[in-house]
Protein backbone atom coordinates (compact mmCIF):
# COMPACT_ATOMS: atom_id res chain seq x y z
CA MET A 1 86.68 46.96 -31.83
CA GLN A 2 86.89 46.24 -35.70
CA ILE A 3 83.40 46.72 -37.50
CA ASP A 4 82.45 44.52 -40.58
CA LEU A 5 81.02 47.14 -43.12
CA LYS A 6 79.29 44.58 -45.17
CA GLN A 7 77.34 43.78 -41.70
CA VAL A 8 76.96 47.59 -41.44
CA GLU A 9 75.46 47.57 -45.04
CA ASP A 10 73.06 44.83 -44.08
CA ALA A 11 72.02 46.28 -40.80
CA ALA A 12 71.25 49.56 -42.74
CA LYS A 13 68.82 47.93 -45.15
CA GLU A 14 67.34 45.83 -42.25
CA LEU A 15 66.95 49.03 -40.08
CA TYR A 16 64.97 50.72 -42.72
CA ILE A 17 62.46 47.97 -42.90
CA ARG A 18 62.27 47.26 -39.16
CA ALA A 19 61.57 50.97 -38.58
CA LEU A 20 58.67 51.20 -41.16
CA LYS A 21 56.95 48.07 -39.78
CA VAL A 22 57.28 48.02 -35.90
CA LEU A 23 56.32 50.89 -33.71
CA PRO A 24 58.57 51.39 -30.83
CA PRO A 25 57.24 50.37 -27.32
CA ASP A 26 57.54 53.81 -26.04
CA ILE A 27 55.01 55.19 -28.67
CA LYS A 28 52.60 52.26 -27.74
CA GLU A 29 52.74 53.14 -24.17
CA GLY A 30 52.17 56.84 -25.20
CA PHE A 31 49.07 55.83 -26.91
CA THR A 32 47.68 54.02 -23.77
CA GLY A 33 48.33 57.11 -21.65
CA LEU A 34 46.59 59.28 -24.12
CA VAL A 35 43.62 57.04 -24.25
CA LYS A 36 43.24 57.02 -20.43
CA ARG A 37 43.40 60.97 -20.52
CA GLU A 38 40.99 61.57 -23.55
CA THR A 39 37.75 63.09 -22.45
CA ASN A 40 36.33 63.89 -25.87
CA ALA A 41 34.27 61.36 -27.64
CA THR A 42 35.62 61.92 -31.00
CA GLY A 43 38.99 61.95 -29.72
CA GLN A 44 38.58 58.55 -28.11
CA SER A 45 37.19 57.17 -31.28
CA VAL A 46 39.85 58.28 -33.39
CA LEU A 47 42.54 56.93 -31.15
CA ALA A 48 40.90 53.62 -30.96
CA THR A 49 41.05 53.49 -34.82
CA MET A 50 44.59 54.66 -34.79
CA ILE A 51 45.60 51.92 -32.35
CA ARG A 52 43.61 49.23 -34.24
CA ASN A 53 45.41 50.33 -37.72
CA ILE A 54 48.74 49.89 -35.75
CA THR A 55 47.90 46.41 -34.47
CA VAL A 56 46.54 45.27 -37.85
CA ALA A 57 49.80 46.58 -39.80
CA GLU A 58 52.07 44.77 -37.37
CA SER A 59 50.03 41.51 -37.20
CA THR A 60 49.96 41.39 -41.04
CA ASP A 61 53.77 42.45 -41.58
CA ASN A 62 52.68 45.54 -43.30
CA LEU A 63 54.00 49.12 -43.13
CA LEU A 64 52.66 51.42 -40.33
CA CYS A 65 52.33 54.23 -43.16
CA GLN A 66 52.62 54.34 -46.98
CA ASP A 67 55.10 57.20 -46.46
CA THR A 68 58.61 55.66 -46.20
CA GLY A 69 59.87 59.19 -45.59
CA LEU A 70 63.31 60.77 -45.89
CA PRO A 71 65.82 58.07 -44.53
CA ILE A 72 67.78 59.47 -41.70
CA TYR A 73 70.85 57.62 -40.04
CA ASN A 74 72.24 58.58 -36.68
CA VAL A 75 75.50 57.12 -36.04
CA GLU A 76 77.23 57.11 -32.63
CA ILE A 77 80.95 55.80 -32.60
CA GLY A 78 82.70 54.82 -29.43
CA ARG A 79 86.34 55.65 -28.51
CA ASN A 80 87.81 52.30 -29.42
CA VAL A 81 85.89 51.71 -32.55
CA GLN A 82 87.96 51.32 -35.84
CA LEU A 83 86.55 51.87 -39.05
CA ASP A 84 86.85 53.64 -42.32
CA GLY A 85 84.40 56.79 -41.94
CA PHE A 86 83.93 57.26 -45.86
CA ALA A 87 83.25 53.53 -46.32
CA LEU A 88 80.93 53.65 -43.44
CA LYS A 89 78.82 56.21 -45.17
CA GLN A 90 79.16 54.41 -48.16
CA ALA A 91 77.79 51.09 -46.62
CA ILE A 92 74.99 52.89 -45.03
CA ARG A 93 73.83 54.41 -48.51
CA LYS A 94 74.02 51.00 -50.09
CA GLY A 95 71.96 49.30 -47.43
CA CYS A 96 69.27 52.20 -47.79
CA GLU A 97 69.21 51.47 -51.42
CA ARG A 98 68.90 47.91 -51.02
CA ALA A 99 65.97 48.04 -48.75
CA THR A 100 64.15 50.05 -51.32
CA THR A 101 64.92 47.88 -54.43
CA GLU A 102 65.23 44.41 -52.97
CA TYR A 103 62.21 44.65 -50.10
CA PRO A 104 60.84 46.56 -52.19
CA LEU A 105 59.80 50.01 -50.59
CA ARG A 106 58.17 52.88 -52.41
CA SER A 107 60.87 55.58 -52.91
CA SER A 108 59.77 58.93 -51.68
CA VAL A 109 62.95 60.71 -52.61
CA VAL A 110 63.18 62.97 -55.72
CA HIS A 111 65.77 65.61 -56.94
CA PRO A 112 64.64 68.95 -55.62
CA LEU A 113 64.59 70.92 -58.94
CA THR A 114 63.85 68.16 -61.59
CA ARG A 115 61.63 66.04 -59.30
CA VAL A 116 63.25 62.95 -60.87
CA ASN A 117 62.98 59.91 -58.55
CA GLU A 118 65.87 57.40 -58.87
CA GLN A 119 63.68 54.76 -57.08
CA THR A 120 66.28 54.05 -54.48
CA SER A 121 65.33 56.55 -51.51
CA CYS A 122 68.64 58.11 -52.14
CA GLY A 123 69.82 61.43 -53.82
CA PRO A 124 72.16 64.28 -53.31
CA LEU A 125 73.09 64.23 -49.37
CA VAL A 126 70.27 61.67 -49.01
CA PRO A 127 69.98 59.46 -46.89
CA VAL A 128 70.89 62.08 -44.13
CA ILE A 129 73.85 60.45 -42.18
CA ASN A 130 74.54 62.14 -38.87
CA ILE A 131 77.80 61.00 -37.03
CA ASP A 132 78.64 61.59 -33.54
CA PHE A 133 81.49 60.39 -31.29
CA VAL A 134 80.29 59.17 -27.63
CA ASP A 135 82.12 58.37 -24.46
CA ALA A 136 81.74 54.70 -24.84
CA GLN A 137 84.60 52.27 -25.44
CA ASP A 138 83.69 49.54 -27.64
CA ARG A 139 80.12 50.40 -29.06
CA LEU A 140 78.86 51.43 -32.50
CA SER A 141 75.14 52.30 -32.69
CA ILE A 142 73.04 53.11 -35.80
CA GLU A 143 69.75 54.73 -35.37
CA MET A 144 67.27 54.92 -38.50
CA ILE A 145 64.59 57.30 -38.77
CA PRO A 146 62.12 57.45 -41.66
CA LYS A 147 60.96 61.06 -41.31
CA GLY A 148 57.45 61.55 -43.23
CA SER A 149 56.75 64.59 -45.20
CA GLY A 150 53.50 65.09 -43.19
CA SER A 151 55.69 65.92 -40.11
CA GLU A 152 58.75 67.40 -41.86
CA ASN A 153 56.57 69.85 -43.63
CA ASN A 154 55.88 71.23 -40.33
CA THR A 155 59.19 72.61 -39.50
CA PHE A 156 59.68 76.35 -38.45
CA LEU A 157 62.50 78.56 -37.24
CA HIS A 158 62.04 82.01 -35.48
CA MET A 159 64.91 84.19 -34.71
CA ALA A 160 63.46 85.84 -31.76
CA ILE A 161 65.04 88.72 -29.87
CA PRO A 162 66.43 88.27 -26.27
CA ALA A 163 64.12 90.83 -24.80
CA ASP A 164 61.10 88.75 -25.55
CA GLY A 165 62.62 85.75 -23.57
CA ILE A 166 60.92 82.42 -22.74
CA ASP A 167 57.62 84.03 -23.52
CA ALA A 168 58.76 84.19 -27.23
CA ILE A 169 59.60 80.60 -27.13
CA LYS A 170 56.19 79.44 -25.70
CA THR A 171 54.17 81.74 -27.94
CA PHE A 172 56.08 80.33 -31.15
CA VAL A 173 55.66 76.81 -30.27
CA ILE A 174 51.96 77.14 -29.48
CA ASP A 175 51.55 79.10 -32.68
CA CYS A 176 53.25 76.41 -34.74
CA VAL A 177 51.10 73.55 -33.31
CA LEU A 178 47.95 75.43 -34.00
CA ASN A 179 49.14 76.16 -37.56
CA ALA A 180 50.01 72.53 -38.18
CA GLY A 181 46.51 71.56 -36.86
CA GLY A 182 45.86 67.95 -38.29
CA LYS A 183 48.44 68.10 -41.13
CA THR A 184 51.05 66.35 -38.97
CA CYS A 185 48.63 63.53 -38.22
CA PRO A 186 48.58 64.20 -34.38
CA PRO A 187 49.04 63.07 -31.72
CA THR A 188 52.49 64.49 -32.28
CA ILE A 189 55.89 64.80 -30.65
CA VAL A 190 56.49 68.37 -30.76
CA GLY A 191 60.44 69.08 -30.86
CA VAL A 192 61.73 72.24 -29.99
CA GLY A 193 65.19 73.68 -30.48
CA VAL A 194 66.42 76.39 -28.46
CA GLY A 195 69.67 78.50 -28.95
CA GLY A 196 72.70 77.82 -31.18
CA THR A 197 72.73 79.22 -34.56
CA GLY A 198 69.96 79.02 -37.11
CA ASP A 199 70.82 75.84 -38.63
CA LEU A 200 71.90 74.27 -35.19
CA CYS A 201 68.52 75.23 -33.83
CA VAL A 202 66.71 73.48 -36.59
CA HIS A 203 68.83 70.22 -36.21
CA LEU A 204 68.34 70.42 -32.28
CA SER A 205 64.47 70.48 -32.94
CA LYS A 206 64.71 67.36 -35.07
CA VAL A 207 66.87 65.68 -32.34
CA ALA A 208 64.08 66.61 -29.92
CA ALA A 209 61.22 65.44 -32.10
CA THR A 210 62.68 61.87 -32.63
CA ARG A 211 63.81 61.39 -29.08
CA ALA A 212 62.01 58.49 -27.05
CA LEU A 213 58.90 59.27 -24.99
CA GLY A 214 59.73 59.46 -21.53
CA THR A 215 63.11 61.09 -21.71
CA ARG A 216 63.86 64.43 -20.50
CA CYS A 217 65.84 67.59 -21.50
CA SER A 218 69.26 67.19 -19.81
CA ASP A 219 69.04 70.89 -18.84
CA ALA A 220 66.79 71.46 -15.75
CA GLU A 221 65.21 74.58 -17.20
CA GLY A 222 64.77 72.86 -20.44
CA ALA A 223 62.86 70.12 -18.88
CA LYS A 224 60.70 72.43 -16.78
CA LEU A 225 59.54 74.16 -20.03
CA GLU A 226 59.03 70.70 -21.50
CA GLN A 227 56.43 70.08 -18.97
CA GLN A 228 54.77 73.49 -19.18
CA LEU A 229 54.48 73.32 -23.10
CA THR A 230 53.16 69.76 -23.18
CA GLU A 231 50.37 70.86 -20.78
CA ALA A 232 49.64 73.97 -22.91
CA VAL A 233 49.74 72.11 -26.11
CA ASN A 234 47.11 69.61 -25.02
CA ARG A 235 44.68 72.35 -23.83
CA LEU A 236 44.41 73.77 -27.58
CA GLY A 237 41.81 71.24 -28.65
CA VAL A 238 43.45 70.06 -31.71
CA GLY A 239 42.93 66.44 -30.83
CA PRO A 240 43.92 63.12 -32.61
CA GLN A 241 44.23 63.68 -36.34
CA GLY A 242 43.17 67.44 -35.98
CA LEU A 243 39.43 66.37 -35.10
CA GLY A 244 39.17 67.74 -31.69
CA GLY A 245 40.19 66.41 -28.34
CA ASP A 246 42.91 66.27 -25.60
CA ALA A 247 45.49 64.19 -27.27
CA THR A 248 47.23 66.83 -29.41
CA SER A 249 50.61 65.67 -28.51
CA PHE A 250 52.33 62.89 -26.65
CA ALA A 251 54.95 65.17 -25.25
CA VAL A 252 56.84 68.34 -26.15
CA HIS A 253 60.65 67.71 -26.21
CA ILE A 254 63.19 70.33 -25.90
CA GLU A 255 66.91 70.21 -26.93
CA LEU A 256 69.17 73.47 -26.42
CA ALA A 257 72.42 75.01 -27.15
CA ALA A 258 74.30 78.14 -25.97
CA THR A 259 73.69 81.01 -28.37
CA HIS A 260 74.78 84.59 -28.83
CA ILE A 261 74.17 87.32 -26.35
CA THR A 262 72.12 89.17 -28.99
CA MET A 263 70.00 86.05 -30.32
CA ASN A 264 67.07 84.01 -29.16
CA PRO A 265 66.55 81.46 -31.77
CA VAL A 266 63.71 78.78 -31.41
CA ALA A 267 62.74 76.24 -33.96
CA VAL A 268 60.11 73.53 -34.12
CA ASN A 269 60.03 70.21 -35.78
CA MET A 270 57.03 67.86 -35.52
CA GLN A 271 56.79 64.02 -35.46
CA CYS A 272 53.53 62.31 -36.26
CA HIS A 273 51.84 59.77 -34.39
CA SER A 274 53.77 56.88 -36.33
CA ALA A 275 57.03 58.06 -34.60
CA ARG A 276 59.19 55.12 -36.39
CA ARG A 277 62.82 54.42 -35.45
CA ALA A 278 65.10 51.38 -35.17
CA ARG A 279 68.40 50.75 -33.84
CA ALA A 280 71.44 48.35 -34.28
CA THR A 281 74.24 48.36 -31.90
CA TRP A 282 77.56 46.56 -32.05
CA THR A 283 79.52 45.60 -28.93
CA PRO A 284 82.22 43.01 -28.21
CA ASP A 285 79.16 40.59 -27.55
CA GLY A 286 77.91 41.06 -31.17
CA LEU A 287 75.00 42.89 -32.95
CA ALA A 288 71.80 43.68 -30.91
CA TRP A 289 68.50 45.16 -32.37
CA GLY A 290 66.40 47.63 -30.45
CA PHE A 291 64.73 51.16 -30.57
């Protein structure tokens, strides 16, 4: 399957705008579930205000949040997809720039030392472009995630020791949620990476944090731990926007990898209540939009 890279560029632009303006259905359903379970009056009031803000933003064609985030593009390439990988990355970067300059969007991306903002949402190694190869024949998928600083600033890594086992993982996650408090604009999705190397562990926590609600860890033990931690986190009383209540988190998600016998790494990355993402998928039937 041949891919038109100009179409990829246009899609990369459109994905950024879509992600910032339309909340995925699973997140809206997540809010509905939290409202049903919230017992705290303040929590109920705050959730109602958040839902009303989302409705107003979408009905008036406005952004869900003023923070346009760090742009992340996750690319999945099927077995029979033919394209120039370098040109693909260039097309995505150009589309990201165009979304910022043509729409226009506020650029939140600066040089880490000079703090200079190019006003393009781009810079060294940004947008972040993750490329993976999947067991599908004729399919190319690009997911766009604008990751805001409020959630990204609450990223943590702990190189625990094996003797501390799963208890070290549980304790670290709980401590991270308490430390974040309302800074991540809860209710959150708490992404947890377990295993691998330090850098892989942090990456896995980001994958977990940006996974769709309702999905489960593919590992049975990981799925069991997800449920335990979700229940524990929502007993902490942090509540929506950190103002108290039951709805601290939509869910705790876990992604894991094998690790060294003398290591027990655990990482946490959080996603705010405006868990924005958008997806474009190319198949022989054409281009389809989704989440």
